[in-house]
N, C-alpha and C. Protein backbone atom coordinates (compact mmCIF):
# COMPACT_ATOMS: atom_id res chain seq x y z
N MET A 1 37.48 -9.77 -43.73
CA MET A 1 36.13 -8.95 -43.89
C MET A 1 35.24 -9.33 -43.05
N ASN A 2 34.99 -10.40 -42.60
CA ASN A 2 34.19 -10.70 -41.48
C ASN A 2 34.49 -10.13 -40.04
N LYS A 3 35.76 -10.07 -39.81
CA LYS A 3 36.23 -9.47 -38.77
C LYS A 3 36.02 -7.98 -38.51
N ASP A 4 36.25 -7.42 -39.67
CA ASP A 4 36.05 -5.87 -39.68
C ASP A 4 34.52 -5.53 -39.56
N LYS A 5 33.61 -6.47 -39.98
CA LYS A 5 32.15 -6.19 -39.98
C LYS A 5 31.82 -6.57 -38.51
N ALA A 6 32.40 -7.57 -38.01
CA ALA A 6 32.10 -7.84 -36.52
C ALA A 6 32.47 -6.74 -35.64
N LEU A 7 33.64 -6.10 -35.84
CA LEU A 7 34.32 -5.04 -35.13
C LEU A 7 33.40 -3.89 -35.31
N GLU A 8 32.90 -3.63 -36.53
CA GLU A 8 32.08 -2.56 -36.79
C GLU A 8 30.73 -2.63 -36.17
N GLU A 9 30.11 -3.88 -36.25
CA GLU A 9 28.91 -4.03 -35.29
C GLU A 9 29.11 -3.89 -33.89
N LEU A 10 30.23 -4.27 -33.35
CA LEU A 10 30.47 -4.36 -31.93
C LEU A 10 30.62 -2.88 -31.47
N PHE A 11 31.22 -2.00 -32.35
CA PHE A 11 31.37 -0.62 -31.96
C PHE A 11 30.00 0.25 -32.08
N LEU A 12 29.29 -0.19 -33.14
CA LEU A 12 27.84 0.47 -33.32
C LEU A 12 26.91 -0.04 -32.21
N ALA A 13 27.15 -1.26 -31.68
CA ALA A 13 26.18 -1.65 -30.51
C ALA A 13 26.44 -1.10 -29.28
N HIS A 14 27.70 -0.74 -29.20
CA HIS A 14 28.10 -0.04 -27.79
C HIS A 14 27.49 1.41 -27.65
N LYS A 15 26.73 1.50 -26.77
CA LYS A 15 26.26 2.81 -26.37
C LYS A 15 26.80 3.34 -24.92
N PRO A 16 27.73 4.15 -25.06
CA PRO A 16 28.19 4.51 -23.65
C PRO A 16 27.22 5.25 -22.93
N HIS A 17 27.26 5.13 -21.52
CA HIS A 17 26.47 5.91 -20.58
C HIS A 17 27.19 6.92 -19.99
N PHE A 18 26.81 8.12 -20.01
CA PHE A 18 27.71 9.32 -19.17
C PHE A 18 26.51 9.74 -18.18
N ASP A 19 27.17 9.81 -16.99
CA ASP A 19 26.27 10.48 -15.92
C ASP A 19 27.23 11.59 -15.26
N ASN A 20 26.75 12.30 -14.37
CA ASN A 20 27.44 13.41 -13.64
C ASN A 20 28.13 12.86 -12.53
N SER A 21 28.69 11.70 -12.47
CA SER A 21 29.08 11.14 -11.17
C SER A 21 30.56 11.70 -11.00
N ASP A 22 30.94 11.59 -9.78
CA ASP A 22 32.32 12.10 -9.38
C ASP A 22 33.33 11.31 -10.18
N VAL A 23 33.29 10.06 -10.34
CA VAL A 23 34.12 9.02 -10.85
C VAL A 23 34.39 9.60 -12.32
N PHE A 24 33.52 9.92 -13.05
CA PHE A 24 33.63 10.37 -14.30
C PHE A 24 34.44 11.69 -14.29
N MET A 25 34.03 12.48 -13.48
CA MET A 25 34.72 13.97 -13.57
C MET A 25 36.33 13.66 -13.02
N ALA A 26 36.61 12.76 -12.16
CA ALA A 26 37.92 12.56 -11.80
C ALA A 26 38.80 11.92 -12.90
N SER A 27 37.96 10.99 -13.48
CA SER A 27 38.76 10.26 -14.68
C SER A 27 39.16 11.34 -15.84
N LEU A 28 38.08 12.31 -15.95
CA LEU A 28 38.37 13.37 -16.98
C LEU A 28 39.48 14.37 -16.55
N THR A 29 39.36 14.64 -15.36
CA THR A 29 40.49 15.54 -14.85
C THR A 29 41.96 14.94 -14.97
N LYS A 30 41.87 13.62 -14.42
CA LYS A 30 43.19 12.88 -14.73
C LYS A 30 43.79 12.80 -16.06
N ARG A 31 42.87 12.70 -16.97
CA ARG A 31 43.35 12.48 -18.48
C ARG A 31 43.59 13.99 -18.88
N LEU A 32 42.88 15.00 -18.57
CA LEU A 32 43.47 16.30 -18.90
C LEU A 32 44.74 16.74 -18.30
N ASP A 33 44.78 16.32 -17.18
CA ASP A 33 46.33 16.54 -16.50
C ASP A 33 47.52 15.62 -17.37
N ALA A 34 47.04 14.62 -17.82
CA ALA A 34 47.96 13.90 -18.63
C ALA A 34 48.36 14.39 -19.79
N VAL A 35 47.27 15.16 -20.54
CA VAL A 35 47.45 15.80 -21.81
C VAL A 35 48.37 17.02 -21.55
N GLU A 36 48.08 17.67 -20.32
CA GLU A 36 48.79 18.91 -20.19
C GLU A 36 50.34 18.53 -19.75
N TYR A 37 50.55 17.32 -19.23
CA TYR A 37 51.85 17.05 -18.84
C TYR A 37 52.72 16.81 -20.19
N ILE A 38 52.03 15.99 -21.23
CA ILE A 38 52.65 15.61 -22.39
C ILE A 38 52.87 16.99 -23.16
N LYS A 39 52.12 17.95 -23.13
CA LYS A 39 52.27 19.17 -23.89
C LYS A 39 53.49 19.99 -23.24
N GLN A 40 53.65 19.93 -21.86
CA GLN A 40 54.62 20.66 -21.31
C GLN A 40 56.08 19.81 -21.67
N HIS A 41 55.81 18.52 -21.67
CA HIS A 41 57.26 17.80 -22.03
C HIS A 41 57.63 17.86 -23.43
N GLN A 42 56.68 18.28 -24.32
CA GLN A 42 56.97 18.49 -25.65
C GLN A 42 57.57 19.90 -25.82
N GLU A 43 57.10 20.78 -25.06
CA GLU A 43 57.61 22.11 -25.12
C GLU A 43 59.12 22.08 -24.45
N ALA A 44 59.27 21.40 -23.45
CA ALA A 44 60.63 21.30 -22.86
C ALA A 44 61.56 20.69 -23.84
N THR A 45 61.14 19.60 -24.62
CA THR A 45 61.98 18.95 -25.52
C THR A 45 62.28 19.91 -26.81
N ILE A 46 61.39 20.61 -27.13
CA ILE A 46 61.68 21.72 -28.23
C ILE A 46 62.66 22.52 -27.70
N ARG A 47 62.52 23.23 -26.57
CA ARG A 47 63.72 24.04 -25.74
C ARG A 47 65.00 23.43 -25.80
N ARG A 48 64.97 22.08 -25.44
CA ARG A 48 66.27 21.38 -25.27
C ARG A 48 67.02 21.26 -26.75
N TYR A 49 66.00 21.08 -27.79
CA TYR A 49 66.66 20.93 -29.08
C TYR A 49 67.20 22.22 -29.72
N LYS A 50 66.40 23.28 -29.22
CA LYS A 50 66.89 24.76 -29.60
C LYS A 50 68.22 25.05 -29.05
N MET A 51 68.47 24.62 -27.76
CA MET A 51 69.71 24.89 -26.89
C MET A 51 70.83 23.99 -27.61
N ALA A 52 70.38 22.75 -27.95
CA ALA A 52 71.52 21.96 -28.31
C ALA A 52 72.12 22.31 -29.89
N MET A 53 70.97 22.93 -30.72
CA MET A 53 71.41 23.48 -31.98
C MET A 53 72.32 24.78 -31.78
N VAL A 54 72.02 25.61 -30.84
CA VAL A 54 72.73 26.69 -30.69
C VAL A 54 74.17 26.43 -30.28
N VAL A 55 74.27 25.39 -29.17
CA VAL A 55 75.70 24.95 -28.73
C VAL A 55 76.35 24.29 -29.93
N ALA A 56 75.68 23.43 -30.94
CA ALA A 56 76.40 22.73 -31.92
C ALA A 56 76.94 23.81 -32.81
N LEU A 57 76.20 24.80 -33.15
CA LEU A 57 76.43 25.62 -34.09
C LEU A 57 77.69 26.66 -33.56
N ILE A 58 77.67 26.95 -32.36
CA ILE A 58 78.69 27.61 -31.88
C ILE A 58 80.09 26.71 -31.79
N VAL A 59 79.98 25.56 -31.20
CA VAL A 59 81.10 24.60 -31.23
C VAL A 59 81.69 24.29 -32.63
N GLY A 60 80.75 24.25 -33.74
CA GLY A 60 81.15 24.07 -35.03
C GLY A 60 81.86 25.08 -35.57
N ILE A 61 81.35 26.32 -35.36
CA ILE A 61 81.94 27.60 -35.86
C ILE A 61 83.36 27.73 -35.20
N ILE A 62 83.51 27.65 -33.87
CA ILE A 62 84.79 27.62 -33.10
C ILE A 62 85.74 26.66 -33.66
N SER A 63 85.41 25.27 -33.80
CA SER A 63 86.24 24.32 -34.38
C SER A 63 86.65 24.36 -35.64
N GLY A 64 85.80 24.82 -36.52
CA GLY A 64 85.99 24.91 -37.85
C GLY A 64 86.92 26.13 -38.25
N GLY A 65 86.79 27.30 -37.39
CA GLY A 65 87.54 28.48 -37.50
C GLY A 65 89.04 27.99 -37.07
N ILE A 66 89.17 27.26 -35.91
CA ILE A 66 90.48 26.78 -35.46
C ILE A 66 91.03 26.03 -36.51
N THR A 67 90.51 25.03 -36.93
CA THR A 67 91.03 24.12 -38.13
C THR A 67 91.41 24.90 -39.27
N MET A 68 90.62 25.66 -39.78
CA MET A 68 90.83 26.49 -41.10
C MET A 68 92.04 27.38 -40.71
N ALA A 69 92.20 27.96 -39.73
CA ALA A 69 93.47 28.93 -39.22
C ALA A 69 94.54 28.07 -39.42
N PHE A 70 94.44 26.86 -38.62
CA PHE A 70 95.84 25.97 -38.82
C PHE A 70 96.13 25.52 -40.18
N VAL A 71 95.09 25.18 -40.95
CA VAL A 71 95.39 24.76 -42.29
C VAL A 71 95.90 26.01 -43.18
N LEU A 72 95.42 27.09 -43.05
CA LEU A 72 95.85 28.23 -43.84
C LEU A 72 97.08 28.90 -43.21
N SER A 73 97.49 28.72 -42.11
CA SER A 73 98.57 29.38 -41.46
C SER A 73 100.00 28.40 -41.72
N SER A 74 99.73 27.16 -41.99
CA SER A 74 100.89 26.29 -42.35
C SER A 74 101.38 26.45 -43.67
N PRO A 75 102.74 26.39 -43.92
CA PRO A 75 103.31 26.67 -45.39
C PRO A 75 102.53 25.84 -46.30
N SER A 76 102.39 26.23 -47.56
CA SER A 76 101.65 25.51 -48.58
C SER A 76 102.60 24.47 -49.15
N ASN A 77 103.73 24.61 -49.12
CA ASN A 77 104.62 23.33 -49.77
C ASN A 77 105.10 22.53 -48.73
N VAL A 78 104.54 22.43 -47.42
CA VAL A 78 104.75 21.39 -46.36
C VAL A 78 103.44 20.55 -46.24
N PRO A 79 103.59 19.35 -46.48
CA PRO A 79 102.26 18.61 -46.23
C PRO A 79 101.77 18.81 -44.74
N LEU A 80 100.43 18.60 -44.49
CA LEU A 80 99.86 18.71 -43.31
C LEU A 80 100.40 17.44 -42.41
N PHE A 81 100.37 16.30 -43.02
CA PHE A 81 100.87 15.04 -42.35
C PHE A 81 101.89 14.35 -43.25
N ASN A 82 102.85 13.70 -42.69
CA ASN A 82 104.01 13.15 -43.45
C ASN A 82 103.92 11.63 -42.83
N ILE A 83 103.69 10.75 -43.75
CA ILE A 83 103.61 9.39 -43.51
C ILE A 83 104.90 8.74 -43.25
N PHE A 84 105.90 9.35 -44.09
CA PHE A 84 107.54 8.73 -43.82
C PHE A 84 108.16 9.95 -43.08
N GLY A 85 109.10 9.53 -42.34
CA GLY A 85 109.77 10.71 -41.63
C GLY A 85 110.74 11.26 -42.75
N TRP A 86 111.34 10.57 -43.53
CA TRP A 86 112.10 11.13 -44.67
C TRP A 86 111.68 10.40 -45.95
N ARG A 87 111.99 10.83 -46.93
CA ARG A 87 111.65 10.23 -48.16
C ARG A 87 112.56 9.18 -48.88
N GLY A 88 113.58 8.79 -47.97
CA GLY A 88 114.64 8.06 -48.69
C GLY A 88 114.21 6.55 -48.41
N ASP A 89 113.35 6.04 -47.66
CA ASP A 89 113.05 4.72 -47.22
C ASP A 89 111.90 4.14 -48.05
N ILE A 90 111.69 4.65 -49.27
CA ILE A 90 110.58 4.01 -50.05
C ILE A 90 110.67 3.17 -51.05
N ALA A 91 112.05 2.67 -51.16
CA ALA A 91 112.31 1.80 -52.43
C ALA A 91 111.96 0.50 -52.18
N ASN A 92 111.88 -0.05 -51.02
CA ASN A 92 111.50 -1.41 -50.78
C ASN A 92 110.02 -1.74 -50.96
N HIS A 93 109.11 -0.98 -50.62
CA HIS A 93 107.67 -1.18 -50.79
C HIS A 93 107.07 -0.15 -51.86
N GLN A 94 107.42 -0.42 -53.13
CA GLN A 94 107.03 0.61 -54.12
C GLN A 94 105.49 0.79 -54.21
N ALA A 95 104.73 -0.18 -54.34
CA ALA A 95 103.30 0.03 -54.54
C ALA A 95 102.60 0.70 -53.40
N ILE A 96 102.90 0.17 -52.04
CA ILE A 96 102.33 0.79 -50.96
C ILE A 96 102.84 2.10 -50.78
N SER A 97 104.13 2.31 -50.98
CA SER A 97 104.74 3.61 -50.80
C SER A 97 104.28 4.70 -51.69
N GLY A 98 103.86 4.08 -52.82
CA GLY A 98 103.38 5.12 -53.81
C GLY A 98 102.21 5.74 -53.46
N ILE A 99 101.23 4.94 -52.95
CA ILE A 99 99.96 5.38 -52.33
C ILE A 99 100.15 6.34 -51.25
N LEU A 100 100.97 5.87 -50.27
CA LEU A 100 101.30 6.76 -49.07
C LEU A 100 102.00 8.03 -49.50
N LEU A 101 102.89 7.98 -50.51
CA LEU A 101 103.53 9.18 -50.80
C LEU A 101 102.50 10.12 -51.51
N TRP A 102 101.64 9.67 -52.31
CA TRP A 102 100.53 10.46 -52.90
C TRP A 102 99.68 11.13 -51.84
N LEU A 103 99.40 10.24 -50.75
CA LEU A 103 98.60 10.72 -49.85
C LEU A 103 99.28 11.90 -48.91
N SER A 104 100.74 11.72 -48.64
CA SER A 104 101.43 12.70 -48.17
C SER A 104 101.58 13.98 -49.04
N ASP A 105 101.61 13.88 -50.17
CA ASP A 105 101.89 14.99 -51.03
C ASP A 105 100.50 15.76 -51.25
N ASN A 106 99.48 15.13 -51.08
CA ASN A 106 98.22 15.76 -51.40
C ASN A 106 97.40 15.93 -50.14
N SER A 107 98.17 15.87 -48.94
CA SER A 107 97.54 15.87 -47.62
C SER A 107 96.64 17.27 -47.51
N ARG A 108 97.16 18.25 -47.96
CA ARG A 108 96.57 19.63 -47.78
C ARG A 108 95.23 19.73 -48.43
N LEU A 109 95.11 19.10 -49.81
CA LEU A 109 93.89 19.09 -50.69
C LEU A 109 92.88 18.12 -49.93
N ILE A 110 93.46 16.99 -49.46
CA ILE A 110 92.54 15.94 -48.91
C ILE A 110 91.98 16.61 -47.49
N THR A 111 92.69 17.29 -46.81
CA THR A 111 92.28 17.82 -45.52
C THR A 111 91.19 19.08 -45.86
N ALA A 112 91.37 19.73 -46.89
CA ALA A 112 90.48 20.82 -47.09
C ALA A 112 89.21 20.12 -47.72
N ALA A 113 89.23 18.96 -48.54
CA ALA A 113 88.05 18.46 -48.99
C ALA A 113 87.23 17.82 -47.89
N ILE A 114 87.94 17.23 -46.91
CA ILE A 114 87.21 16.50 -45.73
C ILE A 114 86.65 17.71 -45.01
N LEU A 115 87.32 18.82 -44.64
CA LEU A 115 86.71 19.79 -43.87
C LEU A 115 85.53 20.33 -44.65
N SER A 116 85.57 20.68 -45.83
CA SER A 116 84.42 20.93 -46.88
C SER A 116 83.24 20.07 -46.52
N LEU A 117 83.39 18.86 -46.61
CA LEU A 117 82.47 17.71 -46.57
C LEU A 117 81.82 17.73 -45.30
N LEU A 118 82.63 17.89 -44.16
CA LEU A 118 82.05 17.87 -42.75
C LEU A 118 81.20 19.35 -42.59
N MET A 119 81.72 20.31 -43.12
CA MET A 119 80.92 21.61 -42.87
C MET A 119 79.69 21.51 -43.72
N THR A 120 79.56 20.90 -44.98
CA THR A 120 78.51 20.69 -45.67
C THR A 120 77.35 19.67 -44.97
N VAL A 121 77.91 18.71 -44.42
CA VAL A 121 76.95 17.73 -43.78
C VAL A 121 76.51 18.43 -42.54
N GLY A 122 77.27 19.08 -41.84
CA GLY A 122 76.91 19.93 -40.69
C GLY A 122 75.78 20.91 -40.94
N GLY A 123 75.97 21.67 -42.13
CA GLY A 123 75.05 22.60 -42.47
C GLY A 123 73.61 22.06 -42.81
N ILE A 124 73.82 20.90 -43.71
CA ILE A 124 72.48 20.25 -43.92
C ILE A 124 71.69 19.66 -42.67
N SER A 125 72.36 19.10 -41.78
CA SER A 125 71.95 18.64 -40.45
C SER A 125 71.34 19.91 -39.75
N LEU A 126 71.96 20.97 -39.66
CA LEU A 126 71.40 22.10 -39.06
C LEU A 126 70.06 22.51 -39.72
N PHE A 127 70.01 22.58 -40.88
CA PHE A 127 68.92 23.05 -41.71
C PHE A 127 67.59 21.80 -41.50
N ASN A 128 68.04 20.62 -41.56
CA ASN A 128 67.01 19.75 -41.23
C ASN A 128 66.51 19.72 -39.82
N ASN A 129 67.42 20.01 -38.84
CA ASN A 129 66.88 19.95 -37.42
C ASN A 129 66.03 21.27 -37.22
N ILE A 130 66.28 22.33 -37.95
CA ILE A 130 65.55 23.53 -37.79
C ILE A 130 64.08 23.37 -38.33
N GLN A 131 64.00 22.37 -39.62
CA GLN A 131 62.71 22.31 -40.17
C GLN A 131 62.19 21.27 -39.22
N GLU A 132 62.64 20.29 -38.70
CA GLU A 132 62.11 19.52 -37.57
C GLU A 132 61.38 20.09 -36.51
N ILE A 133 62.12 21.02 -35.85
CA ILE A 133 61.55 21.80 -34.82
C ILE A 133 60.42 22.72 -35.31
N ASN A 134 60.52 23.31 -36.50
CA ASN A 134 59.33 24.03 -36.84
C ASN A 134 58.15 23.12 -37.19
N ALA A 135 58.30 22.10 -37.65
CA ALA A 135 57.16 21.09 -37.95
C ALA A 135 56.72 20.60 -36.47
N MET A 136 57.47 20.52 -35.40
CA MET A 136 56.96 19.88 -34.14
C MET A 136 56.09 21.13 -33.57
N ARG A 137 56.60 22.40 -33.84
CA ARG A 137 56.06 23.57 -33.25
C ARG A 137 54.62 23.86 -34.07
N SER A 138 54.67 23.76 -35.24
CA SER A 138 53.32 23.72 -35.96
C SER A 138 52.22 22.68 -35.59
N MET A 139 52.87 21.44 -35.37
CA MET A 139 51.97 20.36 -34.90
C MET A 139 51.38 20.73 -33.72
N MET A 140 52.20 21.27 -32.74
CA MET A 140 51.64 21.48 -31.31
C MET A 140 50.66 22.80 -31.52
N GLY A 141 50.93 23.60 -32.47
CA GLY A 141 49.93 24.87 -32.45
C GLY A 141 48.67 24.22 -33.03
N GLN A 142 48.69 23.13 -33.96
CA GLN A 142 47.36 22.65 -34.41
C GLN A 142 46.69 21.97 -33.28
N GLN A 143 47.40 21.11 -32.42
CA GLN A 143 46.85 20.63 -31.31
C GLN A 143 46.08 21.46 -30.44
N LYS A 144 46.83 22.50 -30.22
CA LYS A 144 46.36 23.52 -29.14
C LYS A 144 44.99 24.21 -29.74
N SER A 145 44.85 24.37 -30.98
CA SER A 145 43.59 25.03 -31.59
C SER A 145 42.69 24.00 -31.78
N ALA A 146 42.92 22.69 -31.87
CA ALA A 146 41.94 21.63 -31.87
C ALA A 146 41.28 21.49 -30.37
N ASN A 147 42.12 21.75 -29.43
CA ASN A 147 41.61 21.42 -28.14
C ASN A 147 40.79 22.72 -27.68
């Protein structure tokens, strides 16, 4: 508490002196240039974010389309991946083989579930990034109106 009072008294006691010297104007110009540089940097960052979002959307649509075309074009009774080359050699390792056999039999459903999960996560990420860009844009708009 004493430190806060001491700081407050220190700030209240300080009376800055402004004059019309060239040093003050040069300092002010330098600071304004720094603010302008930061503003341009933020605008460039937002442009890069937008471009990255568009590229990610296009790549996601293309890769998702190719993957879904592959999954849907393969026969439904044939698993997408087969852990065993043939089903005759599973008698020795019954417990592990049962799990692997189940994975092989349900590979189509597992693949569809994983693809759906990835597409959902991608959609949520896209939505969150758009909201973040809009928040940055509105914050920059508020800073412009304040200046």
